[in-house]
Amino acid sequence: MSDDAGHDEFKSNLPAFALGGLSPEDVEAVREHLRDCEECRRELALYAPLTHALDLAPPDAYPPPGARERLLERTSNIRNLPQAATEAPRPQRRPSRLPWALAAASLLLAVLLGGFFYQQNRQLNSEVAAQQETISSVVDLMERPDLRVQDLPTSDSEARARVYAAREGDVGMFVFDRLPPLPEGKTYELWVGSDGALESAGTFEPTSKEKGSYHELMSPPGGFDEYEYVGVTASPIDGLQEAPPPSAPAWVVRTEIPPPAQTSRG
């Protein structure tokens, strides 16, 4: 990195980079910066859930003719990344990362909305609204100054699990990767709670079957920190009546959530 100001500029653009909201030139500039900046590589890893949110995009939402031009008009106020150090620096106001992430998310939503009007599909409109809420909620959580992040142990499974939670305990998110394909007649079911009293949070399908990925935002009445364990089972389509024993083969993932004092951001 050439200087602190240049580093801060790159860092402020990481959310847009994660969401695919930068120009090809700026993408290459960020990649070049990431090769030498461990701090930004750690920061970028925190935005991984945003790409999970993008996996919720309805597969049949195709942009109508002219969508690209309209999107470019919408984003004409987005500044470029700093040029090489040989050029004279131009004084610029440093924005927060949150507007960048929301601007990048707006690009996706604009394409989806264009697809809706192009196909005259009410169901798609509902899905777009749900995705907008999801992306906004994920961005809000990722921008919390009290965010804590923890990779959860899954030694008996190829699946990976991570928890993102506000230290105040009012909201959190579980993210799973590499969930294995299930046999016919089975679905995934999410379980949360204490060791002896796990409760079902509902069945689900991965947001990306190819990646086996899924994320769940939660704001329980008693606070997110009431959860001591989280798990995923391979359940019947209608779900299980109760959580199986800890050693039951139905568990795809079953792991303890470390207390807040043992976790940190990045």
Protein backbone atom coordinates (compact mmCIF):
# COMPACT_ATOMS: atom_id res chain seq x y z
CA MET A 1 0.00 0.00 0.00
CA SER A 2 1.40 3.43 -0.89
CA ASP A 3 0.04 5.44 2.06
CA ASP A 4 -2.64 5.45 4.74
CA ALA A 5 -5.02 7.56 2.64
CA GLY A 6 -4.77 5.19 -0.31
CA HIS A 7 -5.26 2.19 1.96
CA ASP A 8 -8.40 3.71 3.48
CA GLU A 9 -9.80 4.34 0.00
CA PHE A 10 -9.34 0.69 -0.95
CA LYS A 11 -10.76 -0.49 2.36
CA SER A 12 -13.87 1.64 1.96
CA ASN A 13 -14.55 -0.03 -1.39
CA LEU A 14 -14.35 -3.63 -0.15
CA PRO A 15 -18.14 -4.02 0.29
CA ALA A 16 -18.72 -2.92 -3.31
CA PHE A 17 -15.93 -5.27 -4.43
CA ALA A 18 -17.59 -8.18 -2.59
CA LEU A 19 -20.95 -7.38 -4.22
CA GLY A 20 -19.55 -6.99 -7.73
CA GLY A 21 -20.39 -3.30 -7.83
CA LEU A 22 -17.05 -1.96 -9.13
CA SER A 23 -15.83 -1.38 -12.66
CA PRO A 24 -13.38 -3.93 -14.15
CA GLU A 25 -10.55 -1.43 -13.71
CA ASP A 26 -11.37 -0.88 -10.04
CA VAL A 27 -11.76 -4.61 -9.46
CA GLU A 28 -8.24 -5.17 -10.77
CA ALA A 29 -6.94 -2.32 -8.60
CA VAL A 30 -8.51 -3.86 -5.48
CA ARG A 31 -7.11 -7.29 -6.34
CA GLU A 32 -3.63 -5.79 -6.71
CA HIS A 33 -3.98 -4.08 -3.33
CA LEU A 34 -5.21 -7.27 -1.66
CA ARG A 35 -2.08 -9.15 -2.72
CA ASP A 36 0.01 -7.02 -0.37
CA CYS A 37 -2.49 -6.03 2.33
CA GLU A 38 -3.30 -8.64 4.94
CA GLU A 39 -5.58 -6.24 6.84
CA CYS A 40 -7.83 -5.77 3.81
CA ARG A 41 -7.86 -9.50 3.11
CA ARG A 42 -9.15 -10.08 6.63
CA GLU A 43 -11.71 -7.30 6.18
CA LEU A 44 -12.90 -8.73 2.86
CA ALA A 45 -13.53 -12.11 4.49
CA LEU A 46 -16.08 -10.43 6.76
CA TYR A 47 -18.23 -9.57 3.74
CA ALA A 48 -18.59 -13.18 2.61
CA PRO A 49 -22.25 -13.34 3.77
CA LEU A 50 -23.11 -10.61 1.27
CA THR A 51 -22.33 -13.01 -1.56
CA HIS A 52 -24.63 -15.54 0.12
CA ALA A 53 -27.37 -12.94 0.02
CA LEU A 54 -26.82 -12.53 -3.71
CA ASP A 55 -27.40 -16.27 -4.14
CA LEU A 56 -31.04 -15.53 -3.32
CA ALA A 57 -31.50 -13.86 -6.71
CA PRO A 58 -34.48 -15.43 -8.57
CA PRO A 59 -32.98 -17.49 -11.44
CA ASP A 60 -35.48 -16.23 -14.03
CA ALA A 61 -34.85 -12.52 -13.48
CA TYR A 62 -33.31 -11.43 -16.78
CA PRO A 63 -32.56 -7.74 -17.30
CA PRO A 64 -34.58 -6.07 -20.06
CA PRO A 65 -32.99 -4.20 -23.00
CA GLY A 66 -31.32 -1.00 -21.87
CA ALA A 67 -30.88 -2.17 -18.26
CA ARG A 68 -27.10 -1.80 -18.41
CA GLU A 69 -27.36 1.81 -19.59
CA ARG A 70 -29.88 2.69 -16.87
CA LEU A 71 -27.67 1.10 -14.20
CA LEU A 72 -24.67 3.07 -15.39
CA GLU A 73 -26.73 6.26 -15.08
CA ARG A 74 -27.75 5.29 -11.54
CA THR A 75 -24.14 4.73 -10.51
CA SER A 76 -22.54 7.65 -12.33
CA ASN A 77 -21.85 9.32 -8.97
CA ILE A 78 -19.69 6.42 -7.72
CA ARG A 79 -16.09 7.53 -7.61
CA ASN A 80 -13.14 5.59 -8.97
CA LEU A 81 -10.43 4.09 -6.82
CA PRO A 82 -7.20 6.08 -6.38
CA GLN A 83 -4.78 5.96 -9.31
CA ALA A 84 -1.11 5.06 -9.18
CA ALA A 85 1.10 6.97 -6.77
CA THR A 86 2.73 8.86 -9.67
CA GLU A 87 -0.44 10.89 -10.22
CA ALA A 88 -1.18 13.93 -8.08
CA PRO A 89 -3.70 12.98 -5.38
CA ARG A 90 -7.08 14.68 -5.59
CA PRO A 91 -8.73 15.65 -2.29
CA GLN A 92 -11.89 13.57 -1.80
CA ARG A 93 -14.35 13.05 0.99
CA ARG A 94 -13.97 9.58 2.42
CA PRO A 95 -17.38 7.88 2.59
CA SER A 96 -18.36 5.21 5.04
CA ARG A 97 -18.41 1.58 3.90
CA LEU A 98 -22.16 1.22 4.44
CA PRO A 99 -23.24 3.50 1.53
CA TRP A 100 -20.84 1.59 -0.72
CA ALA A 101 -22.40 -1.75 0.17
CA LEU A 102 -25.92 -0.40 -0.25
CA ALA A 103 -25.01 1.17 -3.60
CA ALA A 104 -23.64 -2.13 -4.84
CA ALA A 105 -26.72 -3.97 -3.58
CA SER A 106 -28.87 -1.45 -5.44
CA LEU A 107 -27.24 -2.51 -8.69
CA LEU A 108 -28.45 -6.03 -8.21
CA LEU A 109 -31.92 -4.93 -7.13
CA ALA A 110 -32.25 -2.66 -10.14
CA VAL A 111 -31.53 -5.58 -12.45
CA LEU A 112 -34.06 -7.75 -10.65
CA LEU A 113 -36.71 -5.05 -10.73
CA GLY A 114 -36.06 -4.60 -14.42
CA GLY A 115 -36.55 -8.33 -14.88
CA PHE A 116 -39.82 -8.09 -13.01
CA PHE A 117 -41.26 -5.39 -15.23
CA TYR A 118 -39.96 -7.20 -18.26
CA GLN A 119 -41.72 -10.45 -17.33
CA GLN A 120 -44.80 -8.99 -15.61
CA ASN A 121 -44.39 -11.47 -12.77
CA ARG A 122 -45.93 -10.61 -9.38
CA GLN A 123 -44.20 -13.47 -7.65
CA LEU A 124 -40.83 -12.13 -8.75
CA ASN A 125 -41.75 -8.73 -7.34
CA SER A 126 -42.32 -10.34 -3.96
CA GLU A 127 -39.01 -12.18 -4.17
CA VAL A 128 -37.19 -8.97 -5.04
CA ALA A 129 -38.71 -7.22 -2.02
CA ALA A 130 -37.64 -10.09 0.22
CA GLN A 131 -34.13 -9.99 -1.21
CA GLN A 132 -33.91 -6.24 -0.67
CA GLU A 133 -34.79 -6.72 2.98
CA THR A 134 -32.28 -9.55 3.33
CA ILE A 135 -29.43 -7.59 1.78
CA SER A 136 -30.19 -4.52 3.89
CA SER A 137 -30.29 -6.63 7.05
CA VAL A 138 -27.00 -8.36 6.22
CA VAL A 139 -25.30 -5.04 5.47
CA ASP A 140 -26.64 -3.54 8.70
CA LEU A 141 -25.22 -6.44 10.69
CA MET A 142 -21.85 -6.37 8.93
CA GLU A 143 -21.52 -2.65 9.66
CA ARG A 144 -22.21 -3.02 13.39
CA PRO A 145 -19.19 -1.77 15.36
CA ASP A 146 -19.88 -4.47 17.95
CA LEU A 147 -19.83 -7.30 15.38
CA ARG A 148 -18.16 -10.51 16.48
CA VAL A 149 -17.24 -13.32 14.07
CA GLN A 150 -16.43 -16.92 14.90
CA ASP A 151 -15.78 -20.01 12.84
CA LEU A 152 -17.55 -22.89 14.56
CA PRO A 153 -15.92 -26.32 14.93
CA THR A 154 -17.30 -28.97 12.56
CA SER A 155 -14.61 -31.62 12.88
CA ASP A 156 -16.96 -34.51 12.06
CA SER A 157 -18.27 -32.93 8.87
CA GLU A 158 -16.96 -31.39 5.65
CA ALA A 159 -19.51 -28.62 6.13
CA ARG A 160 -18.36 -25.29 7.49
CA ALA A 161 -20.20 -23.03 9.92
CA ARG A 162 -19.66 -19.44 11.01
CA VAL A 163 -21.56 -17.11 13.32
CA TYR A 164 -21.83 -13.33 12.94
CA ALA A 165 -23.40 -11.63 15.93
CA ALA A 166 -23.70 -8.22 17.51
CA ARG A 167 -22.08 -8.16 20.94
CA GLU A 168 -25.21 -6.53 22.31
CA GLY A 169 -26.92 -9.82 21.51
CA ASP A 170 -29.94 -8.45 19.66
CA VAL A 171 -29.20 -9.96 16.24
CA GLY A 172 -26.97 -12.56 14.64
CA MET A 173 -26.51 -14.72 11.59
CA PHE A 174 -25.46 -18.31 10.96
CA VAL A 175 -23.70 -19.11 7.68
CA PHE A 176 -23.14 -22.64 6.41
CA ASP A 177 -21.04 -23.85 3.48
CA ARG A 178 -20.44 -27.23 1.84
CA LEU A 179 -23.65 -28.79 3.07
CA PRO A 180 -23.76 -32.21 1.37
CA PRO A 181 -26.48 -33.15 -1.16
CA LEU A 182 -29.41 -34.95 0.46
CA PRO A 183 -31.19 -38.08 -0.76
CA GLU A 184 -34.71 -38.01 -2.19
CA GLY A 185 -37.36 -37.23 0.42
CA LYS A 186 -34.99 -35.32 2.75
CA THR A 187 -34.53 -31.63 3.51
CA TYR A 188 -32.32 -29.57 5.80
CA GLU A 189 -33.58 -28.42 9.17
CA LEU A 190 -31.96 -25.75 11.38
CA TRP A 191 -31.78 -26.22 15.15
CA VAL A 192 -30.75 -23.70 17.83
CA GLY A 193 -30.82 -23.58 21.63
CA SER A 194 -29.05 -25.06 24.62
CA ASP A 195 -27.40 -28.48 24.67
CA GLY A 196 -30.41 -30.23 26.14
CA ALA A 197 -33.13 -28.18 24.49
CA LEU A 198 -32.50 -27.55 20.81
CA GLU A 199 -35.55 -26.24 18.97
CA SER A 200 -36.28 -26.30 15.27
CA ALA A 201 -35.96 -22.99 13.41
CA GLY A 202 -37.58 -24.54 10.33
CA THR A 203 -36.62 -26.52 7.25
CA PHE A 204 -34.75 -24.93 4.37
CA GLU A 205 -33.16 -25.40 0.97
CA PRO A 206 -29.63 -24.07 0.35
CA THR A 207 -29.50 -20.62 -1.22
CA SER A 208 -26.88 -22.11 -3.53
CA LYS A 209 -27.16 -25.88 -4.06
CA GLU A 210 -23.90 -25.90 -6.00
CA LYS A 211 -22.02 -24.46 -3.00
CA GLY A 212 -24.20 -26.09 -0.35
CA SER A 213 -24.53 -22.68 1.27
CA TYR A 214 -27.20 -21.17 3.49
CA HIS A 215 -27.50 -18.26 5.90
CA GLU A 216 -30.10 -17.40 8.53
CA LEU A 217 -30.53 -14.01 10.20
CA MET A 218 -32.13 -14.25 13.63
CA SER A 219 -33.34 -11.81 16.30
CA PRO A 220 -34.77 -13.99 19.09
CA PRO A 221 -36.87 -12.31 21.80
CA GLY A 222 -34.49 -13.51 24.52
CA GLY A 223 -31.41 -12.31 22.65
CA PHE A 224 -29.07 -14.10 20.26
CA ASP A 225 -26.70 -15.00 23.09
CA GLU A 226 -29.26 -17.44 24.49
CA TYR A 227 -28.13 -19.85 21.77
CA GLU A 228 -25.43 -22.23 22.99
CA TYR A 229 -25.63 -24.73 20.14
CA VAL A 230 -26.58 -24.69 16.47
CA GLY A 231 -27.06 -27.61 14.15
CA VAL A 232 -28.43 -28.81 10.83
CA THR A 233 -30.12 -32.18 10.31
CA ALA A 234 -31.13 -34.18 7.28
CA SER A 235 -34.85 -34.37 8.05
CA PRO A 236 -38.05 -35.60 6.43
CA ILE A 237 -39.76 -33.03 4.20
CA ASP A 238 -42.15 -32.10 7.02
CA GLY A 239 -39.33 -31.81 9.57
CA LEU A 240 -38.63 -33.73 12.78
CA GLN A 241 -40.83 -33.68 15.85
CA GLU A 242 -37.84 -33.08 18.14
CA ALA A 243 -34.08 -32.80 17.97
CA PRO A 244 -32.32 -36.17 17.63
CA PRO A 245 -29.67 -37.30 20.17
CA PRO A 246 -26.23 -35.67 19.75
CA SER A 247 -24.69 -38.79 18.18
CA ALA A 248 -27.57 -39.49 15.78
CA PRO A 249 -26.58 -39.82 12.09
CA ALA A 250 -29.26 -37.30 11.13
CA TRP A 251 -26.94 -34.46 12.16
CA VAL A 252 -25.10 -32.88 9.25
CA VAL A 253 -23.64 -30.23 11.55
CA ARG A 254 -23.96 -29.91 15.32
CA THR A 255 -21.65 -27.49 17.09
CA GLU A 256 -21.26 -25.39 20.22
CA ILE A 257 -21.33 -21.59 19.95
CA PRO A 258 -18.49 -20.00 21.98
CA PRO A 259 -19.54 -17.34 24.51
CA PRO A 260 -19.19 -13.72 23.33
CA ALA A 261 -16.11 -13.09 25.46
CA GLN A 262 -14.20 -15.73 23.44
CA THR A 263 -14.87 -14.24 20.03
CA SER A 264 -13.64 -11.24 18.12
CA ARG A 265 -14.05 -9.56 14.75
CA GLY A 266 -11.68 -10.96 12.15
